[in-house]
Amino acid sequence: MTQPFTLVGIARPRPERAAELKELLLSFVEPTRREPGCLEYHFHEDRDEPGVFVFYEAWRSREDLDAHLALPRMRDFWERRMDYLASDLEIRFLTMHSPYAAAEGLGRR
């Protein structure tokens, strides 16, 4: 099996828009987890910096991630993201050096 395409993103919202952004990002979780190629999709809030949101995504391929980003809800968010954010999203693409054992499988979500 090929290595999943993974990323971590950090969103630092404008303080007055933090609650609204949290609800919006939470609304993406379940539909994204049902998308073809989504292996894992997690949304977090920083414990030391409440209001800073972190998401972790693992996709079967870059093409699957691209299909996700092309969906209307994601295009709309990308175009309007700076309405919510104090600074642009920090996105890091990752290479996994500790993959799950083949017996365990992927797709924990």
Protein backbone atom coordinates (compact mmCIF):
# COMPACT_ATOMS: atom_id res chain seq x y z
CA MET A 1 0.00 0.00 0.00
CA THR A 2 1.23 3.49 -0.76
CA GLN A 3 1.81 5.95 2.02
CA PRO A 4 -1.15 8.18 2.88
CA PHE A 5 -1.04 11.86 1.96
CA THR A 6 -1.18 13.66 5.30
CA LEU A 7 -1.26 17.20 6.53
CA VAL A 8 -1.66 19.27 9.66
CA GLY A 9 -3.28 22.69 9.56
CA ILE A 10 -3.40 25.44 12.17
CA ALA A 11 -6.08 28.12 12.17
CA ARG A 12 -5.69 31.22 14.32
CA PRO A 13 -9.02 33.02 14.20
CA ARG A 14 -9.88 36.61 14.88
CA PRO A 15 -11.01 36.55 18.53
CA GLU A 16 -14.48 37.84 17.68
CA ARG A 17 -14.94 35.08 15.07
CA ALA A 18 -13.44 32.13 16.99
CA ALA A 19 -16.73 30.55 18.07
CA GLU A 20 -18.20 30.92 14.59
CA LEU A 21 -15.10 29.41 12.97
CA LYS A 22 -15.13 26.51 15.44
CA GLU A 23 -18.72 25.66 14.50
CA LEU A 24 -17.94 25.93 10.79
CA LEU A 25 -14.88 23.68 11.03
CA LEU A 26 -16.82 21.17 13.14
CA SER A 27 -19.49 21.06 10.44
CA PHE A 28 -16.85 19.78 7.99
CA VAL A 29 -15.88 16.71 10.05
CA GLU A 30 -18.63 14.18 9.36
CA PRO A 31 -19.15 14.88 5.65
CA THR A 32 -15.39 14.85 5.08
CA ARG A 33 -14.99 11.52 6.86
CA ARG A 34 -17.51 10.02 4.41
CA GLU A 35 -15.60 11.19 1.33
CA PRO A 36 -13.83 8.63 -0.86
CA GLY A 37 -10.16 8.53 0.00
CA CYS A 38 -10.46 10.06 3.47
CA LEU A 39 -8.51 7.86 5.86
CA GLU A 40 -8.55 10.16 8.90
CA TYR A 41 -9.91 13.61 9.60
CA HIS A 42 -9.59 15.11 13.07
CA PHE A 43 -10.32 18.58 14.42
CA HIS A 44 -8.68 19.82 17.64
CA GLU A 45 -8.39 22.91 19.79
CA ASP A 46 -5.04 23.78 21.34
CA ARG A 47 -5.17 23.18 25.12
CA ASP A 48 -2.60 25.87 25.85
CA GLU A 49 -4.07 28.39 23.42
CA PRO A 50 -7.85 28.03 23.43
CA GLY A 51 -9.30 29.34 20.20
CA VAL A 52 -6.40 28.03 18.10
CA PHE A 53 -7.66 25.15 15.97
CA VAL A 54 -5.62 22.28 14.58
CA PHE A 55 -6.75 19.73 12.06
CA TYR A 56 -5.10 16.49 10.99
CA GLU A 57 -5.98 14.84 7.70
CA ALA A 58 -4.82 11.62 6.07
CA TRP A 59 -5.90 10.90 2.50
CA ARG A 60 -5.35 7.87 0.30
CA SER A 61 -3.73 10.13 -2.32
CA ARG A 62 -3.08 13.72 -3.30
CA GLU A 63 -5.85 13.33 -5.89
CA ASP A 64 -8.34 12.47 -3.12
CA LEU A 65 -7.31 15.57 -1.19
CA ASP A 66 -7.64 17.67 -4.35
CA ALA A 67 -11.17 16.29 -4.90
CA HIS A 68 -12.04 17.26 -1.30
CA LEU A 69 -10.70 20.78 -1.78
CA ALA A 70 -12.70 21.15 -5.01
CA LEU A 71 -16.03 20.59 -3.23
CA PRO A 72 -18.25 23.69 -3.04
CA ARG A 73 -18.12 23.90 0.77
CA MET A 74 -14.34 23.79 0.74
CA ARG A 75 -13.94 26.26 -2.13
CA ASP A 76 -16.32 28.64 -0.33
CA PHE A 77 -14.36 28.31 2.91
CA TRP A 78 -11.04 28.87 1.14
CA GLU A 79 -12.33 32.01 -0.56
CA ARG A 80 -13.75 33.42 2.71
CA ARG A 81 -11.17 32.10 5.20
CA MET A 82 -9.64 35.49 5.91
CA ASP A 83 -13.04 36.74 7.12
CA TYR A 84 -12.45 34.42 10.11
CA LEU A 85 -8.67 34.31 10.46
CA ALA A 86 -6.20 36.68 12.11
CA SER A 87 -3.47 35.17 9.91
CA ASP A 88 -3.63 32.72 7.04
CA LEU A 89 -3.82 29.00 7.65
CA GLU A 90 -0.54 27.30 8.41
CA ILE A 91 -0.53 24.01 6.52
CA ARG A 92 2.23 21.42 6.75
CA PHE A 93 2.35 18.40 4.48
CA LEU A 94 3.78 15.40 6.27
CA THR A 95 5.69 12.23 5.47
CA MET A 96 4.68 9.44 7.83
CA HIS A 97 7.60 7.48 9.27
CA SER A 98 5.48 5.32 11.60
CA PRO A 99 2.67 3.85 9.47
CA TYR A 100 0.02 1.60 10.98
CA ALA A 101 0.76 -2.10 10.77
CA ALA A 102 -0.87 -3.68 7.71
CA ALA A 103 -2.93 -5.95 9.99
CA GLU A 104 -4.44 -2.93 11.72
CA GLY A 105 -5.36 -1.27 8.45
CA LEU A 106 -5.97 2.36 7.68
CA GLY A 107 -9.17 4.30 7.83
CA ARG A 108 -9.64 4.87 11.54
CA ARG A 109 -11.09 8.31 10.90
